[in-house]
């Protein structure tokens, strides 16, 4: 598609034209290509490190918010409880079953 009488260039066409000599690049831009790429690489590494740090902080915040209402319940063997068992056919549907007796395999329980 022509824009103002010329084809807009993509990065590959610009590099090709520069290397072939059709479109010489003036060196008055301030930085050489090597300096630009080195600076770009250091900036990307710095941004990656900042993103990792922020991700870890947000994960900790989400975890603490999610676990805010989770309560450790201390049940004893032989105590009667009502269980909330997920349905096998529907993800969001659960059924209450009970009362059931607590056994060794079910301890400890964390209820949210």
N, C-alpha and C. Protein backbone atom coordinates (compact mmCIF):
# COMPACT_ATOMS: atom_id res chain seq x y z
N UNK A 1 0.85 -1.17 0.00
CA UNK A 1 0.00 0.00 0.00
C UNK A 1 0.90 1.24 0.00
N UNK A 2 0.62 2.12 -0.88
CA UNK A 2 1.42 3.34 -1.02
C UNK A 2 0.96 4.38 -0.01
N UNK A 3 1.92 5.04 0.61
CA UNK A 3 1.63 6.12 1.53
C UNK A 3 2.47 7.32 1.11
N UNK A 4 1.80 8.40 0.74
CA UNK A 4 2.47 9.63 0.31
C UNK A 4 3.47 9.37 -0.81
N UNK A 5 3.07 8.48 -1.72
CA UNK A 5 3.90 8.25 -2.89
C UNK A 5 5.01 7.24 -2.72
N UNK A 6 5.13 6.61 -1.58
CA UNK A 6 6.17 5.59 -1.40
C UNK A 6 5.67 4.45 -0.54
N UNK A 7 6.29 3.31 -0.68
CA UNK A 7 5.91 2.14 0.11
C UNK A 7 6.49 2.26 1.51
N UNK A 8 5.67 2.03 2.54
CA UNK A 8 6.23 2.07 3.90
C UNK A 8 7.15 0.87 4.09
N UNK A 9 8.25 1.10 4.74
CA UNK A 9 9.23 0.04 4.91
C UNK A 9 9.07 -0.69 6.22
N UNK A 10 9.28 -1.98 6.16
CA UNK A 10 9.33 -2.75 7.40
C UNK A 10 10.79 -2.88 7.80
N UNK A 11 11.08 -3.37 9.00
CA UNK A 11 12.49 -3.41 9.45
C UNK A 11 13.40 -4.21 8.53
N UNK A 12 12.91 -5.33 7.98
CA UNK A 12 13.77 -6.14 7.11
C UNK A 12 14.09 -5.41 5.80
N UNK A 13 13.10 -4.73 5.24
CA UNK A 13 13.37 -4.00 4.00
C UNK A 13 14.32 -2.83 4.26
N UNK A 14 14.19 -2.18 5.40
CA UNK A 14 15.11 -1.08 5.73
C UNK A 14 16.54 -1.58 5.89
N UNK A 15 16.71 -2.74 6.54
CA UNK A 15 18.06 -3.30 6.70
C UNK A 15 18.63 -3.69 5.34
N UNK A 16 17.80 -4.30 4.50
CA UNK A 16 18.25 -4.71 3.17
C UNK A 16 18.69 -3.50 2.35
N UNK A 17 17.89 -2.44 2.38
CA UNK A 17 18.24 -1.23 1.63
C UNK A 17 19.51 -0.59 2.17
N UNK A 18 19.69 -0.63 3.48
CA UNK A 18 20.89 -0.05 4.07
C UNK A 18 22.12 -0.85 3.67
N UNK A 19 22.04 -2.17 3.73
CA UNK A 19 23.19 -3.01 3.39
C UNK A 19 23.51 -2.97 1.90
N UNK A 20 22.48 -2.85 1.07
CA UNK A 20 22.73 -2.82 -0.37
C UNK A 20 23.20 -1.44 -0.84
N UNK A 21 23.04 -0.42 -0.02
CA UNK A 21 23.50 0.91 -0.36
C UNK A 21 22.43 1.77 -1.01
N UNK A 22 21.21 1.27 -1.16
CA UNK A 22 20.13 2.06 -1.75
C UNK A 22 19.68 3.18 -0.83
N UNK A 23 19.76 2.96 0.46
CA UNK A 23 19.32 3.95 1.44
C UNK A 23 20.40 4.09 2.51
N UNK A 24 21.38 4.94 2.29
CA UNK A 24 22.46 5.05 3.28
C UNK A 24 21.96 5.68 4.59
N UNK A 25 22.47 5.19 5.69
CA UNK A 25 22.09 5.70 7.01
C UNK A 25 23.13 6.72 7.42
N UNK A 26 22.64 7.88 7.82
CA UNK A 26 23.57 8.89 8.30
C UNK A 26 23.98 8.52 9.73
N UNK A 27 25.23 8.72 10.02
CA UNK A 27 25.75 8.38 11.35
C UNK A 27 25.60 9.53 12.33
N UNK A 28 24.75 10.47 12.02
CA UNK A 28 24.53 11.59 12.91
C UNK A 28 23.44 11.27 13.94
N UNK A 29 22.99 10.01 13.96
CA UNK A 29 21.93 9.62 14.89
C UNK A 29 22.43 9.59 16.32
N UNK A 30 23.72 9.51 16.54
CA UNK A 30 24.25 9.57 17.89
C UNK A 30 24.81 8.26 18.39
N UNK A 31 24.23 7.14 18.02
CA UNK A 31 24.68 5.84 18.49
C UNK A 31 24.94 4.92 17.30
N UNK A 32 25.93 4.07 17.50
CA UNK A 32 26.14 3.05 16.48
C UNK A 32 25.16 1.91 16.73
N UNK A 33 25.09 1.02 15.78
CA UNK A 33 24.17 -0.11 15.91
C UNK A 33 24.54 -0.98 17.09
N UNK A 34 25.83 -1.19 17.28
CA UNK A 34 26.30 -2.03 18.40
C UNK A 34 25.94 -1.39 19.73
N UNK A 35 26.15 -0.08 19.86
CA UNK A 35 25.78 0.62 21.10
C UNK A 35 24.28 0.52 21.35
N UNK A 36 23.48 0.70 20.28
CA UNK A 36 22.03 0.62 20.42
C UNK A 36 21.59 -0.77 20.88
N UNK A 37 22.13 -1.81 20.24
CA UNK A 37 21.74 -3.18 20.61
C UNK A 37 22.20 -3.54 22.02
N UNK A 38 23.36 -3.08 22.42
CA UNK A 38 23.84 -3.34 23.78
C UNK A 38 22.95 -2.66 24.80
N UNK A 39 22.58 -1.41 24.53
CA UNK A 39 21.67 -0.69 25.43
C UNK A 39 20.29 -1.35 25.46
N UNK A 40 19.81 -1.78 24.30
CA UNK A 40 18.51 -2.46 24.24
C UNK A 40 18.54 -3.75 25.05
N UNK A 41 19.61 -4.52 24.93
CA UNK A 41 19.73 -5.77 25.68
C UNK A 41 19.76 -5.51 27.19
N UNK A 42 20.50 -4.50 27.63
CA UNK A 42 20.56 -4.20 29.06
C UNK A 42 19.19 -3.70 29.56
N UNK A 43 18.49 -2.90 28.75
CA UNK A 43 17.16 -2.43 29.14
C UNK A 43 16.18 -3.59 29.26
N UNK A 44 16.22 -4.50 28.30
CA UNK A 44 15.33 -5.66 28.36
C UNK A 44 15.62 -6.54 29.57
N UNK A 45 16.89 -6.72 29.91
CA UNK A 45 17.24 -7.52 31.08
C UNK A 45 16.75 -6.83 32.36
N UNK A 46 16.91 -5.51 32.43
CA UNK A 46 16.46 -4.77 33.61
C UNK A 46 14.94 -4.84 33.75
N UNK A 47 14.23 -4.71 32.64
CA UNK A 47 12.77 -4.80 32.67
C UNK A 47 12.32 -6.20 33.04
N UNK A 48 13.03 -7.22 32.55
CA UNK A 48 12.70 -8.61 32.89
C UNK A 48 12.88 -8.84 34.39
N UNK A 49 13.95 -8.32 34.96
CA UNK A 49 14.18 -8.48 36.40
C UNK A 49 13.11 -7.77 37.21
N UNK A 50 12.72 -6.57 36.78
CA UNK A 50 11.67 -5.84 37.47
C UNK A 50 10.33 -6.57 37.38
N UNK A 51 10.05 -7.16 36.22
CA UNK A 51 8.80 -7.90 36.05
C UNK A 51 8.79 -9.14 36.93
N UNK A 52 9.92 -9.84 37.05
CA UNK A 52 10.00 -10.99 37.95
C UNK A 52 9.77 -10.59 39.39
N UNK A 53 10.38 -9.49 39.80
CA UNK A 53 10.23 -9.01 41.17
C UNK A 53 8.77 -8.62 41.46
N UNK A 54 8.16 -7.91 40.55
CA UNK A 54 6.76 -7.49 40.72
C UNK A 54 5.83 -8.70 40.72
N UNK A 55 6.12 -9.67 39.88
CA UNK A 55 5.31 -10.89 39.83
C UNK A 55 5.37 -11.64 41.15
N UNK A 56 6.55 -11.74 41.74
CA UNK A 56 6.69 -12.42 43.03
C UNK A 56 5.93 -11.66 44.13
N UNK A 57 6.00 -10.33 44.12
CA UNK A 57 5.27 -9.53 45.10
C UNK A 57 3.77 -9.72 44.97
N UNK A 58 3.27 -9.67 43.73
CA UNK A 58 1.84 -9.82 43.51
C UNK A 58 1.37 -11.23 43.85
N UNK A 59 2.19 -12.24 43.56
CA UNK A 59 1.83 -13.61 43.92
C UNK A 59 1.69 -13.74 45.43
N UNK A 60 2.61 -13.12 46.18
CA UNK A 60 2.53 -13.17 47.64
C UNK A 60 1.28 -12.44 48.12
N UNK A 61 0.96 -11.30 47.50
CA UNK A 61 -0.23 -10.55 47.89
C UNK A 61 -1.50 -11.33 47.59
N UNK A 62 -1.56 -11.95 46.42
CA UNK A 62 -2.73 -12.77 46.06
C UNK A 62 -2.89 -13.94 47.03
N UNK A 63 -1.77 -14.58 47.37
CA UNK A 63 -1.81 -15.73 48.27
C UNK A 63 -2.31 -15.32 49.65
N UNK A 64 -1.79 -14.20 50.16
CA UNK A 64 -2.23 -13.77 51.49
C UNK A 64 -3.70 -13.35 51.47
N UNK A 65 -4.15 -12.72 50.39
CA UNK A 65 -5.55 -12.34 50.29
C UNK A 65 -6.45 -13.58 50.19
N UNK A 66 -6.02 -14.55 49.41
CA UNK A 66 -6.82 -15.77 49.23
C UNK A 66 -6.92 -16.56 50.54
N UNK A 67 -5.82 -16.60 51.28
CA UNK A 67 -5.78 -17.39 52.52
C UNK A 67 -6.26 -16.61 53.74
N UNK A 68 -6.76 -15.41 53.55
CA UNK A 68 -7.17 -14.58 54.67
C UNK A 68 -8.27 -15.24 55.50
N UNK A 69 -9.20 -15.91 54.83
CA UNK A 69 -10.31 -16.52 55.55
C UNK A 69 -10.12 -18.01 55.79
N UNK A 70 -9.01 -18.57 55.33
CA UNK A 70 -8.75 -19.99 55.57
C UNK A 70 -8.44 -20.19 57.05
N UNK A 71 -9.08 -21.15 57.64
CA UNK A 71 -8.95 -21.38 59.09
C UNK A 71 -8.53 -22.82 59.31
N UNK A 72 -7.56 -22.98 60.18
CA UNK A 72 -7.14 -24.33 60.55
C UNK A 72 -8.11 -24.87 61.59
N UNK A 73 -8.71 -26.00 61.27
CA UNK A 73 -9.65 -26.63 62.20
C UNK A 73 -8.97 -27.86 62.78
N UNK A 74 -9.03 -27.97 64.07
CA UNK A 74 -8.41 -29.10 64.75
C UNK A 74 -9.50 -30.12 65.08
N UNK A 75 -9.59 -31.16 64.25
CA UNK A 75 -10.56 -32.22 64.48
C UNK A 75 -9.88 -33.38 65.19
N UNK A 76 -10.63 -34.08 65.96
CA UNK A 76 -10.11 -35.24 66.67
C UNK A 76 -10.73 -36.50 66.10
N UNK A 77 -10.01 -37.59 66.22
CA UNK A 77 -10.47 -38.88 65.74
C UNK A 77 -11.79 -39.23 66.40
N UNK A 78 -12.77 -39.65 65.60
CA UNK A 78 -14.06 -40.03 66.11
C UNK A 78 -15.09 -38.92 66.11
N UNK A 79 -14.69 -37.68 65.79
CA UNK A 79 -15.61 -36.55 65.77
C UNK A 79 -16.49 -36.63 64.52
N UNK A 80 -17.75 -36.20 64.64
CA UNK A 80 -18.71 -36.23 63.54
C UNK A 80 -18.63 -34.90 62.76
N UNK A 81 -18.53 -34.98 61.41
CA UNK A 81 -18.47 -33.80 60.55
C UNK A 81 -19.36 -34.02 59.32
N UNK A 82 -19.69 -32.93 58.63
CA UNK A 82 -20.40 -32.99 57.36
C UNK A 82 -19.38 -32.61 56.27
N UNK A 83 -19.25 -33.44 55.23
CA UNK A 83 -18.28 -33.22 54.16
C UNK A 83 -18.96 -32.60 52.95
N UNK A 84 -18.22 -31.74 52.26
CA UNK A 84 -18.67 -31.14 51.01
C UNK A 84 -17.86 -31.79 49.90
N UNK A 85 -18.49 -32.69 49.14
CA UNK A 85 -17.80 -33.49 48.14
C UNK A 85 -18.15 -32.95 46.74
N UNK A 86 -17.14 -32.68 45.88
CA UNK A 86 -17.43 -32.22 44.52
C UNK A 86 -18.14 -33.29 43.70
N UNK A 87 -19.04 -32.85 42.83
CA UNK A 87 -19.75 -33.75 41.94
C UNK A 87 -18.83 -34.14 40.79
N UNK A 88 -18.89 -35.38 40.35
CA UNK A 88 -18.00 -35.84 39.29
C UNK A 88 -18.43 -35.37 37.91
N UNK A 89 -19.68 -35.01 37.74
CA UNK A 89 -20.16 -34.62 36.42
C UNK A 89 -20.13 -33.11 36.20
N UNK A 90 -20.27 -32.32 37.25
CA UNK A 90 -20.31 -30.87 37.11
C UNK A 90 -19.25 -30.25 38.02
N UNK A 91 -18.45 -29.37 37.43
CA UNK A 91 -17.33 -28.78 38.17
C UNK A 91 -17.76 -27.94 39.36
N UNK A 92 -18.78 -27.13 39.19
CA UNK A 92 -19.16 -26.16 40.21
C UNK A 92 -20.19 -26.68 41.21
N UNK A 93 -20.62 -27.90 41.05
CA UNK A 93 -21.64 -28.46 41.92
C UNK A 93 -20.99 -29.38 42.96
N UNK A 94 -21.32 -29.18 44.20
CA UNK A 94 -20.83 -30.03 45.28
C UNK A 94 -22.01 -30.49 46.12
N UNK A 95 -21.88 -31.67 46.73
CA UNK A 95 -22.93 -32.22 47.57
C UNK A 95 -22.42 -32.39 49.00
N UNK A 96 -23.29 -32.15 49.93
CA UNK A 96 -22.95 -32.38 51.34
C UNK A 96 -23.23 -33.83 51.68
N UNK A 97 -22.28 -34.44 52.35
CA UNK A 97 -22.46 -35.82 52.80
C UNK A 97 -22.12 -35.90 54.27
N UNK A 98 -22.90 -36.61 54.97
CA UNK A 98 -22.57 -36.76 56.37
C UNK A 98 -23.80 -36.97 57.22
N UNK A 99 -23.65 -37.06 58.48
CA UNK A 99 -22.38 -36.88 59.19
C UNK A 99 -21.45 -38.07 58.99
N UNK A 100 -20.15 -37.77 58.94
CA UNK A 100 -19.12 -38.78 58.82
C UNK A 100 -18.22 -38.73 60.05
N UNK A 101 -17.54 -39.81 60.30
CA UNK A 101 -16.62 -39.90 61.43
C UNK A 101 -15.20 -39.66 60.94
N UNK A 102 -14.45 -38.79 61.64
CA UNK A 102 -13.06 -38.48 61.28
C UNK A 102 -12.19 -39.69 61.59
N UNK A 103 -11.33 -40.03 60.60
CA UNK A 103 -10.35 -41.10 60.78
C UNK A 103 -8.96 -40.52 60.64
N UNK A 104 -7.92 -41.33 60.85
CA UNK A 104 -6.54 -40.85 60.80
C UNK A 104 -6.16 -40.30 59.44
N UNK A 105 -6.62 -40.89 58.33
CA UNK A 105 -6.22 -40.48 57.00
C UNK A 105 -6.73 -39.09 56.65
N UNK A 106 -7.72 -38.57 57.31
CA UNK A 106 -8.31 -37.28 56.97
C UNK A 106 -7.71 -36.12 57.76
N UNK A 107 -6.81 -36.35 58.69
CA UNK A 107 -6.24 -35.30 59.50
C UNK A 107 -4.93 -34.83 58.91
N UNK A 108 -4.54 -33.57 59.02
CA UNK A 108 -5.23 -32.38 59.46
C UNK A 108 -6.06 -31.79 58.31
N UNK A 109 -7.03 -30.96 58.62
CA UNK A 109 -7.88 -30.33 57.63
C UNK A 109 -7.74 -28.83 57.70
N UNK A 110 -7.73 -28.18 56.53
CA UNK A 110 -7.77 -26.72 56.46
C UNK A 110 -9.02 -26.37 55.68
N UNK A 111 -9.89 -25.62 56.29
CA UNK A 111 -11.15 -25.27 55.66
C UNK A 111 -11.17 -23.80 55.35
N UNK A 112 -11.67 -23.45 54.17
CA UNK A 112 -11.71 -22.05 53.78
C UNK A 112 -13.12 -21.54 53.71
